[in-house]
């Protein structure tokens, strides 16, 4: 019996491999096509070369793979179970004394294995590739006619200067605030009603320059109608604040969130993303818990229904995932529950369904 069981494990896992890889390949093509579509505006506006576009797509690949692993595995599970049931192989195994739970055990084990692979990929490679994507995007934007500027956000430039802009209208900045830390002591503060990009520098209009003593007292104040200001974003220039959670490993993200929390900042959204670092890779296992009994139940309807059911399962999972993420970021739901709600729901329903089928 032991040898039969070992053969069964290898057989089921081998049957899962081909549709699993096919499912991943199909959804990778869809996701990469969507990513390429998002970059079309960049290609037209910035004249990106084929090599640059290829690099951007390559760097986006690991994160996409993590998302497509549950899709591919659910589809493989549904198709394989459907074929085994329609060909009476499940019936033959049960007649020979092999329980249904033992038949589906390799599928659940495969789900755990794929989840582990997804976690390692998400933890070790995805943060680096996401950082490289951001770095490349920054380099591309630095070559545009006007430097990369976002409203309502501090950002760093060269010569130890820091900038804040209230509104951005094409190449015109409105209500500009500049902290110049190039000298020791308190920063020199420059404000301007607007700034216009002039090929290599910003021209400030209708502003005020203020300087302070070492004790923080104002000792110089002067108005100006126009002022020329160089604003070259350095290689290390970055927007204020930590890197996104997607650009950090779980350990780095935990420390970053801890520091921001100690400063009294709202970290609900970051906490949700942190917990998603664990819940997303494990989605393969939890979705397979529901896919297995569903595959058994609808196996007689053919492969088309199996594919349709797998798409439905993934769709519901992502709806719950997106809904929970939004509620968690807004503080309506605990971040931990918001990140794990879809896995918990699928796990409970799938386990209950499996127990019910196994008792028959």
Protein backbone atom coordinates (compact mmCIF):
# COMPACT_ATOMS: atom_id res chain seq x y z
CA UNK A 1 0.00 0.00 0.00
CA UNK A 2 2.87 2.38 0.83
CA UNK A 3 4.35 2.02 -2.64
CA UNK A 4 0.91 2.64 -4.17
CA UNK A 5 0.57 5.82 -2.12
CA UNK A 6 3.98 7.07 -3.20
CA UNK A 7 3.10 6.37 -6.81
CA UNK A 8 -0.20 8.19 -6.29
CA UNK A 9 1.59 11.28 -4.92
CA UNK A 10 3.99 11.41 -7.85
CA UNK A 11 1.20 10.78 -10.33
CA UNK A 12 -1.09 13.52 -9.01
CA UNK A 13 1.72 16.08 -8.74
CA UNK A 14 2.90 15.23 -12.26
CA UNK A 15 -0.65 15.67 -13.56
CA UNK A 16 -0.81 19.09 -11.88
CA UNK A 17 2.46 20.35 -13.35
CA UNK A 18 1.48 20.85 -17.01
CA UNK A 19 -1.83 22.72 -16.49
CA UNK A 20 -0.19 24.68 -13.65
CA UNK A 21 2.61 25.93 -15.90
CA UNK A 22 0.14 26.54 -18.75
CA UNK A 23 -2.11 28.59 -16.44
CA UNK A 24 0.82 30.65 -15.17
CA UNK A 25 2.02 31.23 -18.72
CA UNK A 26 -1.40 32.34 -19.94
CA UNK A 27 -1.96 34.81 -17.11
CA UNK A 28 1.63 36.07 -17.33
CA UNK A 29 0.97 37.05 -20.92
CA UNK A 30 -2.21 38.87 -19.86
CA UNK A 31 -0.53 40.67 -16.96
CA UNK A 32 2.57 41.63 -18.94
CA UNK A 33 0.37 42.92 -21.76
CA UNK A 34 -1.49 45.06 -19.24
CA UNK A 35 1.82 46.35 -17.83
CA UNK A 36 3.04 47.16 -21.33
CA UNK A 37 -0.22 49.03 -21.97
CA UNK A 38 0.42 51.13 -18.85
CA UNK A 39 3.86 52.02 -20.20
CA UNK A 40 2.58 53.07 -23.63
CA UNK A 41 2.21 56.66 -22.45
CA UNK A 42 5.81 56.62 -21.24
CA UNK A 43 7.01 55.10 -24.53
CA UNK A 44 5.31 57.85 -26.54
CA UNK A 45 6.18 60.73 -24.20
CA UNK A 46 9.75 59.79 -23.30
CA UNK A 47 10.77 57.78 -26.36
CA UNK A 48 11.80 54.70 -24.42
CA UNK A 49 13.97 52.21 -26.26
CA UNK A 50 13.00 48.57 -26.64
CA UNK A 51 15.79 47.62 -24.21
CA UNK A 52 14.45 50.00 -21.54
CA UNK A 53 10.90 48.71 -21.94
CA UNK A 54 12.23 45.16 -21.79
CA UNK A 55 14.02 45.90 -18.51
CA UNK A 56 10.91 47.47 -16.99
CA UNK A 57 8.85 44.42 -17.93
CA UNK A 58 11.56 42.10 -16.63
CA UNK A 59 11.66 43.89 -13.28
CA UNK A 60 7.87 43.69 -13.02
CA UNK A 61 7.91 39.94 -13.70
CA UNK A 62 8.59 38.60 -10.14
CA UNK A 63 5.70 40.56 -8.60
CA UNK A 64 3.41 39.38 -11.40
CA UNK A 65 4.49 35.76 -10.89
CA UNK A 66 3.52 35.96 -7.20
CA UNK A 67 0.04 37.07 -8.26
CA UNK A 68 -0.36 34.47 -11.00
CA UNK A 69 0.75 31.44 -8.94
CA UNK A 70 -2.66 31.08 -7.19
CA UNK A 71 -4.44 31.47 -10.54
CA UNK A 72 -2.38 28.77 -12.22
CA UNK A 73 -2.65 26.35 -9.31
CA UNK A 74 -6.41 26.72 -8.88
CA UNK A 75 -6.91 26.14 -12.60
CA UNK A 76 -4.62 23.08 -12.53
CA UNK A 77 -6.43 21.64 -9.50
CA UNK A 78 -9.85 22.05 -11.09
CA UNK A 79 -8.78 20.53 -14.42
CA UNK A 80 -6.89 17.58 -12.91
CA UNK A 81 -9.67 16.70 -10.47
CA UNK A 82 -12.18 16.93 -13.26
CA UNK A 83 -10.20 14.56 -15.48
CA UNK A 84 -9.50 12.06 -12.68
CA UNK A 85 -13.18 11.97 -11.74
CA UNK A 86 -14.50 11.74 -15.31
CA UNK A 87 -12.07 8.91 -16.10
CA UNK A 88 -13.25 7.05 -12.97
CA UNK A 89 -9.73 7.06 -11.51
CA UNK A 90 -11.00 8.53 -8.24
CA UNK A 91 -13.68 5.83 -8.07
CA UNK A 92 -11.09 3.10 -8.71
CA UNK A 93 -8.77 4.40 -6.01
CA UNK A 94 -11.57 4.62 -3.45
CA UNK A 95 -12.68 1.09 -4.36
CA UNK A 96 -9.13 -0.13 -3.64
CA UNK A 97 -9.25 1.36 -0.15
CA UNK A 98 -7.65 4.77 -0.70
CA UNK A 99 -9.69 7.47 1.02
CA UNK A 100 -10.70 10.68 -0.72
CA UNK A 101 -8.69 12.73 1.76
CA UNK A 102 -5.59 10.74 0.84
CA UNK A 103 -6.24 11.23 -2.87
CA UNK A 104 -6.41 15.01 -2.54
CA UNK A 105 -3.51 15.25 -0.07
CA UNK A 106 -0.87 15.71 -2.83
CA UNK A 107 -2.89 18.63 -4.20
CA UNK A 108 -2.96 20.36 -0.82
CA UNK A 109 0.71 19.61 -0.31
CA UNK A 110 1.40 21.13 -3.72
CA UNK A 111 -0.51 24.23 -2.62
CA UNK A 112 1.73 24.54 0.45
CA UNK A 113 4.85 24.07 -1.68
CA UNK A 114 3.81 26.72 -4.21
CA UNK A 115 2.89 29.08 -1.34
CA UNK A 116 6.35 28.67 0.14
CA UNK A 117 7.94 29.39 -3.24
CA UNK A 118 5.77 32.49 -3.59
CA UNK A 119 6.76 33.71 -0.12
CA UNK A 120 10.48 33.31 -0.83
CA UNK A 121 10.08 35.12 -4.15
CA UNK A 122 8.03 37.90 -2.55
CA UNK A 123 10.48 38.27 0.32
CA UNK A 124 13.83 38.04 -1.43
CA UNK A 125 13.44 39.12 -5.06
CA UNK A 126 10.31 41.25 -5.41
CA UNK A 127 11.47 44.12 -3.12
CA UNK A 128 14.69 44.48 -5.14
CA UNK A 129 12.95 44.40 -8.53
CA UNK A 130 10.33 46.89 -7.32
CA UNK A 131 13.13 49.22 -6.16
CA UNK A 132 14.86 48.86 -9.51
CA UNK A 133 11.61 49.68 -11.29
CA UNK A 134 11.21 52.86 -9.22
CA UNK A 135 14.87 53.76 -9.85
CA UNK A 136 14.45 53.33 -13.62
CA UNK A 137 11.25 55.35 -13.63
CA UNK A 138 12.99 58.13 -11.72
CA UNK A 139 15.89 58.10 -14.18
CA UNK A 140 13.46 58.33 -17.10
CA UNK A 141 11.55 61.21 -15.55
CA UNK A 142 14.77 63.06 -14.74
CA UNK A 143 15.43 63.25 -18.49
CA UNK A 144 12.11 64.98 -19.19
CA UNK A 145 11.94 68.73 -19.86
CA UNK A 146 10.94 69.40 -16.25
CA UNK A 147 12.16 67.50 -13.18
CA UNK A 148 9.83 65.12 -11.43
CA UNK A 149 7.67 67.13 -9.04
CA UNK A 150 4.56 66.06 -7.17
CA UNK A 151 2.15 68.32 -5.27
CA UNK A 152 1.67 68.20 -1.49
CA UNK A 153 4.86 66.22 -0.94
CA UNK A 154 8.40 67.11 0.18
CA UNK A 155 11.16 66.00 -2.15
CA UNK A 156 14.94 66.34 -2.11
CA UNK A 157 17.18 67.99 -4.66
CA UNK A 158 20.90 68.62 -4.95
CA UNK A 159 22.95 70.91 -2.71
CA UNK A 160 20.99 69.86 0.36
CA UNK A 161 17.79 71.62 -0.67
CA UNK A 162 14.27 70.37 0.03
CA UNK A 163 11.13 71.45 -1.77
CA UNK A 164 7.40 71.51 -1.25
CA UNK A 165 4.84 72.49 -3.91
CA UNK A 166 1.14 73.02 -3.32
CA UNK A 167 -0.06 72.62 -6.94
CA UNK A 168 1.51 71.56 -10.24
CA UNK A 169 0.20 72.66 -13.63
CA UNK A 170 2.39 71.22 -16.42
CA UNK A 171 5.72 73.13 -16.08
CA UNK A 172 4.35 75.66 -13.57
CA UNK A 173 4.65 75.15 -9.81
CA UNK A 174 2.30 77.11 -7.53
CA UNK A 175 3.00 78.11 -3.91
CA UNK A 176 6.56 76.83 -3.58
CA UNK A 177 8.39 76.34 -0.27
CA UNK A 178 12.16 75.66 -0.25
CA UNK A 179 14.41 74.71 2.69
CA UNK A 180 18.06 75.38 1.88
CA UNK A 181 20.34 73.39 4.23
CA UNK A 182 23.55 74.03 2.27
CA UNK A 183 24.85 76.16 5.13
CA UNK A 184 25.25 75.23 8.79
CA UNK A 185 22.63 76.31 11.31
CA UNK A 186 18.97 76.91 10.61
CA UNK A 187 17.84 76.52 7.00
CA UNK A 188 17.40 79.42 4.64
CA UNK A 189 13.72 79.51 3.67
CA UNK A 190 12.51 80.62 0.25
CA UNK A 191 8.85 80.98 -0.70
CA UNK A 192 7.41 81.88 -4.11
CA UNK A 193 3.96 82.27 -5.61
CA UNK A 194 5.01 80.30 -8.65
CA UNK A 195 7.98 78.74 -10.43
CA UNK A 196 8.34 78.07 -14.17
CA UNK A 197 10.77 75.57 -15.72
CA UNK A 198 13.18 77.19 -18.18
CA UNK A 199 15.10 74.29 -19.80
CA UNK A 200 17.85 74.02 -17.15
CA UNK A 201 16.53 75.89 -14.09
CA UNK A 202 13.42 77.07 -12.28
CA UNK A 203 12.53 80.74 -12.37
CA UNK A 204 10.84 81.77 -9.14
CA UNK A 205 8.36 84.65 -9.11
CA UNK A 206 6.94 86.92 -6.38
CA UNK A 207 8.72 85.37 -3.45
CA UNK A 208 10.49 85.94 -0.15
CA UNK A 209 13.89 84.86 1.16
CA UNK A 210 14.46 84.47 4.90
CA UNK A 211 17.62 83.71 6.87
CA UNK A 212 17.94 82.85 10.55
CA UNK A 213 20.57 83.10 13.27
CA UNK A 214 22.08 80.05 14.97
CA UNK A 215 19.44 80.49 17.69
CA UNK A 216 16.57 80.48 15.20
CA UNK A 217 15.83 84.23 15.16
CA UNK A 218 15.01 85.91 11.86
CA UNK A 219 17.90 88.19 10.84
CA UNK A 220 17.31 88.67 7.11
CA UNK A 221 14.18 88.98 4.99
CA UNK A 222 13.96 90.17 1.40
CA UNK A 223 11.30 90.11 -1.28
CA UNK A 224 12.07 89.34 -4.91
CA UNK A 225 10.18 89.53 -8.17
CA UNK A 226 12.31 86.92 -9.94
CA UNK A 227 14.96 84.46 -8.82
CA UNK A 228 16.80 81.80 -10.80
CA UNK A 229 17.19 78.45 -9.04
CA UNK A 230 18.99 75.33 -10.22
CA UNK A 231 17.02 72.15 -9.43
CA UNK A 232 18.84 69.03 -10.55
CA UNK A 233 17.62 65.85 -8.90
CA UNK A 234 20.68 63.85 -7.90
CA UNK A 235 21.06 60.10 -8.26
CA UNK A 236 20.18 59.75 -4.60
CA UNK A 237 17.32 62.22 -4.66
CA UNK A 238 14.09 60.82 -3.44
CA UNK A 239 10.77 61.89 -2.07
CA UNK A 240 10.57 62.28 1.69
CA UNK A 241 9.35 59.28 3.62
CA UNK A 242 10.27 55.61 3.62
CA UNK A 243 10.32 53.36 0.60
CA UNK A 244 7.02 51.71 -0.14
CA UNK A 245 6.32 48.42 1.63
CA UNK A 246 6.53 46.65 -1.73
CA UNK A 247 10.17 47.78 -2.01
CA UNK A 248 11.16 46.31 1.35
CA UNK A 249 11.53 42.86 2.87
CA UNK A 250 9.22 42.02 5.76
CA UNK A 251 11.96 42.79 8.29
CA UNK A 252 12.73 46.17 6.75
CA UNK A 253 9.03 47.00 6.48
CA UNK A 254 8.45 46.11 10.14
CA UNK A 255 11.22 48.45 11.31
CA UNK A 256 10.04 51.27 9.02
CA UNK A 257 6.46 51.00 10.28
CA UNK A 258 7.66 50.87 13.88
CA UNK A 259 9.59 54.14 13.48
CA UNK A 260 6.69 55.92 11.78
CA UNK A 261 4.28 54.70 14.46
CA UNK A 262 6.57 56.05 17.18
CA UNK A 263 6.41 59.42 15.40
CA UNK A 264 2.62 59.34 15.69
CA UNK A 265 1.91 58.83 11.99
CA UNK A 266 -1.05 56.89 10.62
CA UNK A 267 0.37 53.56 9.43
CA UNK A 268 -2.85 51.61 8.76
CA UNK A 269 -2.23 51.34 5.02
CA UNK A 270 1.38 50.30 5.56
CA UNK A 271 0.35 47.69 8.12
CA UNK A 272 -2.12 46.19 5.67
CA UNK A 273 0.58 45.99 2.99
CA UNK A 274 2.96 44.45 5.54
CA UNK A 275 0.52 41.66 6.42
CA UNK A 276 -0.22 41.14 2.71
CA UNK A 277 3.44 40.15 2.35
CA UNK A 278 2.41 36.94 4.15
CA UNK A 279 -1.22 36.51 3.09
CA UNK A 280 -0.64 36.93 -0.66
CA UNK A 281 1.96 34.13 -1.04
CA UNK A 282 -0.26 31.79 1.02
CA UNK A 283 -3.22 32.49 -1.26
CA UNK A 284 -2.31 29.42 -3.34
CA UNK A 285 -2.92 27.06 -0.42
CA UNK A 286 -6.14 28.70 0.76
CA UNK A 287 -7.64 28.94 -2.73
CA UNK A 288 -6.75 25.29 -3.33
CA UNK A 289 -8.70 24.38 -0.18
CA UNK A 290 -11.81 25.65 -1.95
CA UNK A 291 -10.80 24.55 -5.46
CA UNK A 292 -10.47 20.87 -4.46
CA UNK A 293 -14.06 20.29 -3.28
CA UNK A 294 -15.38 22.52 -6.07
CA UNK A 295 -13.42 20.50 -8.61
CA UNK A 296 -14.89 17.26 -7.26
CA UNK A 297 -18.40 18.69 -7.23
CA UNK A 298 -18.36 20.09 -10.80
CA UNK A 299 -16.01 17.56 -12.42
CA UNK A 300 -18.72 15.87 -14.48
CA UNK A 301 -19.50 19.10 -16.37
CA UNK A 302 -16.23 19.09 -18.32
CA UNK A 303 -13.03 21.12 -18.62
CA UNK A 304 -14.78 24.33 -19.69
CA UNK A 305 -16.73 24.49 -16.43
CA UNK A 306 -13.52 23.74 -14.55
CA UNK A 307 -11.80 26.74 -16.11
CA UNK A 308 -14.87 28.92 -15.49
CA UNK A 309 -15.03 27.83 -11.84
CA UNK A 310 -11.32 28.55 -11.33
CA UNK A 311 -11.73 32.05 -12.76
CA UNK A 312 -14.74 32.58 -10.49
CA UNK A 313 -12.76 31.45 -7.41
CA UNK A 314 -9.87 33.81 -8.19
CA UNK A 315 -12.27 36.67 -8.96
CA UNK A 316 -14.00 36.32 -5.58
CA UNK A 317 -10.63 36.07 -3.84
CA UNK A 318 -9.43 39.32 -5.41
CA UNK A 319 -12.70 41.10 -4.64
CA UNK A 320 -12.36 40.17 -0.96
CA UNK A 321 -8.66 41.07 -1.09
CA UNK A 322 -9.30 44.53 -2.58
CA UNK A 323 -12.27 45.21 -0.30
CA UNK A 324 -10.31 44.22 2.80
CA UNK A 325 -7.30 46.27 1.77
CA UNK A 326 -9.42 49.38 1.36
CA UNK A 327 -11.17 48.88 4.71
CA UNK A 328 -7.87 48.25 6.44
CA UNK A 329 -6.18 51.33 4.99
CA UNK A 330 -9.10 53.50 6.12
CA UNK A 331 -8.94 52.07 9.65
CA UNK A 332 -12.40 50.51 9.47
CA UNK A 333 -11.00 47.00 9.93
CA UNK A 334 -7.89 45.79 11.78
CA UNK A 335 -4.95 45.66 9.31
CA UNK A 336 -4.26 42.00 10.14
CA UNK A 337 -7.86 40.98 9.47
CA UNK A 338 -8.04 43.18 6.37
CA UNK A 339 -5.01 41.42 4.85
CA UNK A 340 -6.11 37.89 5.77
CA UNK A 341 -9.92 38.05 5.39
CA UNK A 342 -10.01 36.38 1.95
CA UNK A 343 -7.75 33.52 3.07
CA UNK A 344 -9.76 32.97 6.24
CA UNK A 345 -13.07 32.88 4.36
CA UNK A 346 -11.74 30.52 1.69
CA UNK A 347 -10.08 28.33 4.28
CA UNK A 348 -13.23 27.94 6.39
CA UNK A 349 -15.56 27.28 3.44
CA UNK A 350 -13.10 24.92 1.75
CA UNK A 351 -12.40 22.92 4.92
CA UNK A 352 -16.10 22.56 5.73
CA UNK A 353 -16.85 21.47 2.17
CA UNK A 354 -14.00 18.95 2.18
CA UNK A 355 -15.19 17.42 5.46
CA UNK A 356 -18.71 17.11 4.07
CA UNK A 357 -17.52 15.39 0.86
CA UNK A 358 -15.20 13.02 2.72
CA UNK A 359 -18.05 11.79 4.94
CA UNK A 360 -20.11 10.63 1.97
